[in-house]
Amino acid sequence: MRFRVAVPAVCLFLASLAFAAEDYKIDPGHSSANFSVRHMMVSTVTGRFAGGVSGTIHYDDKDVSKSSVKATIKVASINTDNENRDKDLRGANFFDADKYPEITFESQRVEKRGDGYVAVGNFTMKGVTKQVELPFTIGGRINDGKGHGRLGIQSNTTLNRQDYGVSWNRTVEGGGVVVGNEVKIDLNIEGTLLQPAAAAPGGGTQ
């Protein structure tokens, strides 16, 4: 009798472990990498890589430090609401999109710090890879009513574009420069839950 009671209990325990970690596909239509940078030392220009963000998120709600993320941004998706400026940004003076079409981030570890988390990993832009820290918060997890689980993540950080060879600049009257070096990054990521592979006859997977 004890064995009969124990078996369901063990199954429930294993099931809870199985659902502790989930894999999500970043939804490009509901994710964006936004940025802002000083212009002429007097104003701020904003832009975004809208619709150009993709990748996967492994999220463990039982222990977020076991989570990971791998993301890619398509440089050609840059949009600052100025066609001439966007063309220049895609060119050799800045991102050189033809030669370096993607910006990537792949986490190496996730750390709990205070009330939030930090993803530490390799960030690559214009062929240069450096380890960066991306502080982030979990926006929440829901079922969207159509049978899809969704996860939201927000992150903010600042990068120096000179560190990645995005170095064009020009001085202006009074000693300032056309483009600031510090670029503020604001990431809004939404992931859709990837369903596990269906079991094949005989207990295997397809």
Protein backbone atom coordinates (compact mmCIF):
# COMPACT_ATOMS: atom_id res chain seq x y z
CA MET A 1 0.00 0.00 0.00
CA ARG A 2 2.80 2.40 0.83
CA PHE A 3 4.35 1.67 -2.58
CA ARG A 4 1.06 2.48 -4.35
CA VAL A 5 0.81 5.83 -2.56
CA ALA A 6 4.47 6.68 -3.11
CA VAL A 7 4.43 6.17 -6.88
CA PRO A 8 1.93 9.00 -7.63
CA ALA A 9 3.75 11.27 -5.20
CA VAL A 10 7.07 10.66 -6.96
CA CYS A 11 5.45 11.27 -10.35
CA LEU A 12 4.02 14.59 -9.14
CA PHE A 13 7.42 15.58 -7.79
CA LEU A 14 9.15 14.77 -11.09
CA ALA A 15 6.46 16.63 -13.01
CA SER A 16 7.02 19.73 -10.89
CA LEU A 17 10.72 19.57 -11.73
CA ALA A 18 9.96 19.19 -15.44
CA PHE A 19 7.93 22.39 -15.49
CA ALA A 20 10.41 24.39 -13.40
CA ALA A 21 12.45 25.25 -16.51
CA GLU A 22 10.96 26.34 -19.83
CA ASP A 23 12.28 27.37 -23.21
CA TYR A 24 10.97 30.42 -25.04
CA LYS A 25 11.45 31.75 -28.54
CA ILE A 26 11.92 35.51 -28.71
CA ASP A 27 9.00 37.06 -30.60
CA PRO A 28 10.44 39.66 -33.06
CA GLY A 29 7.03 41.27 -33.50
CA HIS A 30 6.78 42.10 -29.79
CA SER A 31 10.44 42.69 -28.93
CA SER A 32 12.75 45.63 -29.53
CA ALA A 33 16.22 46.91 -28.73
CA ASN A 34 15.99 50.66 -28.24
CA PHE A 35 18.88 53.10 -27.90
CA SER A 36 19.63 56.76 -27.35
CA VAL A 37 22.77 58.82 -27.87
CA ARG A 38 23.70 62.48 -27.53
CA HIS A 39 23.75 64.56 -30.72
CA MET A 40 25.81 67.74 -31.09
CA MET A 41 26.06 67.75 -27.26
CA VAL A 42 22.71 69.53 -27.06
CA SER A 43 20.03 66.90 -27.75
CA THR A 44 19.38 63.17 -27.79
CA VAL A 45 18.62 60.98 -30.79
CA THR A 46 16.65 57.80 -30.19
CA GLY A 47 16.34 54.70 -32.34
CA ARG A 48 15.45 51.05 -32.26
CA PHE A 49 16.02 47.69 -33.85
CA ALA A 50 12.33 46.92 -34.14
CA GLY A 51 11.33 43.54 -35.56
CA GLY A 52 14.98 42.57 -35.80
CA VAL A 53 15.40 40.81 -32.45
CA SER A 54 15.38 37.00 -32.32
CA GLY A 55 16.75 34.17 -30.19
CA THR A 56 15.87 31.85 -27.33
CA ILE A 57 15.45 32.09 -23.57
CA HIS A 58 15.84 29.22 -21.13
CA TYR A 59 13.94 30.29 -18.01
CA ASP A 60 14.01 28.43 -14.71
CA ASP A 61 11.47 30.02 -12.37
CA LYS A 62 12.63 27.83 -9.48
CA ASP A 63 16.20 29.11 -9.77
CA VAL A 64 16.63 32.03 -12.17
CA SER A 65 20.42 31.69 -11.92
CA LYS A 66 20.05 28.53 -14.02
CA SER A 67 18.44 30.51 -16.84
CA SER A 68 20.17 31.60 -20.04
CA VAL A 69 19.59 33.67 -23.15
CA LYS A 70 20.92 33.79 -26.68
CA ALA A 71 19.80 36.78 -28.77
CA THR A 72 20.50 38.22 -32.20
CA ILE A 73 19.77 41.68 -33.58
CA LYS A 74 19.63 42.32 -37.32
CA VAL A 75 21.60 45.54 -37.90
CA ALA A 76 19.62 46.32 -41.06
CA SER A 77 16.49 46.72 -38.92
CA ILE A 78 17.82 49.95 -37.36
CA ASN A 79 15.29 52.77 -37.42
CA THR A 80 15.74 56.34 -36.17
CA ASP A 81 12.84 57.74 -38.21
CA ASN A 82 15.31 59.42 -40.57
CA GLU A 83 16.02 57.54 -43.81
CA ASN A 84 19.32 59.30 -44.59
CA ARG A 85 20.62 58.84 -41.06
CA ASP A 86 19.60 55.17 -41.02
CA LYS A 87 21.45 54.60 -44.29
CA ASP A 88 24.54 56.22 -42.79
CA LEU A 89 24.27 54.10 -39.63
CA ARG A 90 24.14 50.93 -41.73
CA GLY A 91 27.24 52.06 -43.62
CA ALA A 92 30.97 51.68 -42.95
CA ASN A 93 31.16 54.82 -40.80
CA PHE A 94 29.08 53.12 -38.13
CA PHE A 95 27.75 49.52 -38.05
CA ASP A 96 28.90 48.39 -41.51
CA ALA A 97 25.85 46.15 -41.82
CA ASP A 98 26.94 44.47 -45.03
CA LYS A 99 30.10 43.14 -43.38
CA TYR A 100 28.68 42.71 -39.85
CA PRO A 101 24.94 42.02 -40.28
CA GLU A 102 24.27 40.88 -36.71
CA ILE A 103 24.74 41.99 -33.13
CA THR A 104 24.66 39.06 -30.69
CA PHE A 105 24.56 38.31 -26.99
CA GLU A 106 25.01 34.91 -25.38
CA SER A 107 24.89 34.60 -21.61
CA GLN A 108 27.52 32.62 -19.72
CA ARG A 109 25.80 32.82 -16.36
CA VAL A 110 22.97 34.58 -14.52
CA GLU A 111 23.50 36.08 -11.07
CA LYS A 112 21.07 37.25 -8.40
CA ARG A 113 22.01 40.72 -7.21
CA GLY A 114 19.85 42.50 -4.69
CA ASP A 115 16.26 42.53 -5.89
CA GLY A 116 17.20 41.85 -9.53
CA TYR A 117 19.30 39.68 -11.81
CA VAL A 118 22.28 40.16 -14.09
CA ALA A 119 23.05 38.16 -17.22
CA VAL A 120 26.81 38.00 -17.75
CA GLY A 121 27.89 37.01 -21.24
CA ASN A 122 29.55 37.72 -24.56
CA PHE A 123 28.31 40.69 -26.54
CA THR A 124 29.49 40.97 -30.14
CA MET A 125 29.11 44.04 -32.33
CA LYS A 126 30.96 44.91 -35.52
CA GLY A 127 33.20 41.86 -35.08
CA VAL A 128 34.31 42.79 -31.55
CA THR A 129 33.35 40.54 -28.62
CA LYS A 130 33.44 41.70 -25.01
CA GLN A 131 31.97 40.37 -21.80
CA VAL A 132 29.16 42.60 -20.56
CA GLU A 133 26.66 42.57 -17.73
CA LEU A 134 22.98 43.06 -18.51
CA PRO A 135 20.83 43.76 -15.45
CA PHE A 136 17.28 42.59 -16.06
CA THR A 137 13.87 42.09 -14.53
CA ILE A 138 11.17 39.55 -15.29
CA GLY A 139 8.06 41.35 -16.49
CA GLY A 140 5.88 38.31 -15.88
CA ARG A 141 4.60 35.06 -17.34
CA ILE A 142 1.08 34.55 -18.68
CA ASN A 143 -1.04 32.39 -20.93
CA ASP A 144 -2.24 34.61 -23.78
CA GLY A 145 -5.62 32.89 -24.05
CA LYS A 146 -4.66 31.19 -27.31
CA GLY A 147 -2.74 28.37 -25.71
CA HIS A 148 0.61 30.17 -25.79
CA GLY A 149 2.71 30.85 -22.70
CA ARG A 150 4.49 34.21 -22.83
CA LEU A 151 7.40 35.65 -20.86
CA GLY A 152 8.46 39.31 -20.64
CA ILE A 153 11.96 40.60 -19.82
CA GLN A 154 13.26 44.17 -19.54
CA SER A 155 16.90 45.25 -19.44
CA ASN A 156 18.76 48.57 -19.40
CA THR A 157 22.47 49.23 -19.76
CA THR A 158 25.02 51.65 -21.26
CA LEU A 159 27.74 50.82 -23.79
CA ASN A 160 30.64 52.82 -25.17
CA ARG A 161 30.45 52.53 -28.96
CA GLN A 162 34.20 53.17 -29.26
CA ASP A 163 34.84 49.81 -27.57
CA TYR A 164 33.32 48.11 -30.61
CA GLY A 165 34.88 50.11 -33.40
CA VAL A 166 31.79 52.24 -34.05
CA SER A 167 34.08 55.21 -33.90
CA TRP A 168 33.18 57.83 -36.51
CA ASN A 169 32.89 61.35 -35.15
CA ARG A 170 33.50 64.98 -35.97
CA THR A 171 34.12 67.98 -33.78
CA VAL A 172 31.78 70.95 -33.81
CA GLU A 173 32.23 74.58 -32.89
CA GLY A 174 32.94 75.00 -29.20
CA GLY A 175 34.85 71.72 -28.88
CA GLY A 176 31.95 69.29 -28.83
CA VAL A 177 31.37 66.29 -31.09
CA VAL A 178 28.57 65.27 -33.41
CA VAL A 179 27.87 61.91 -31.75
CA GLY A 180 28.30 60.98 -28.10
CA ASN A 181 30.22 57.83 -27.18
CA GLU A 182 27.91 56.57 -24.43
CA VAL A 183 24.88 54.75 -25.83
CA LYS A 184 21.96 53.91 -23.56
CA ILE A 185 20.29 50.58 -24.35
CA ASP A 186 16.72 49.66 -23.43
CA LEU A 187 15.64 46.08 -24.19
CA ASN A 188 12.04 44.92 -24.18
CA ILE A 189 11.82 41.22 -24.90
CA GLU A 190 8.79 38.97 -25.19
CA GLY A 191 9.16 35.22 -25.58
CA THR A 192 6.67 32.57 -26.65
CA LEU A 193 6.83 29.21 -24.90
CA LEU A 194 8.25 26.44 -27.05
CA GLN A 195 6.17 23.29 -26.75
CA PRO A 196 8.09 20.08 -25.97
CA ALA A 197 8.43 17.61 -28.82
CA ALA A 198 5.53 15.20 -29.07
CA ALA A 199 6.17 11.68 -27.86
CA ALA A 200 6.54 9.15 -30.68
CA PRO A 201 5.15 5.57 -30.53
CA GLY A 202 7.35 3.42 -28.35
CA GLY A 203 8.23 6.27 -25.96
CA GLY A 204 10.72 8.13 -28.22
CA THR A 205 10.49 11.66 -29.55
CA GLN A 206 10.07 12.94 -33.07
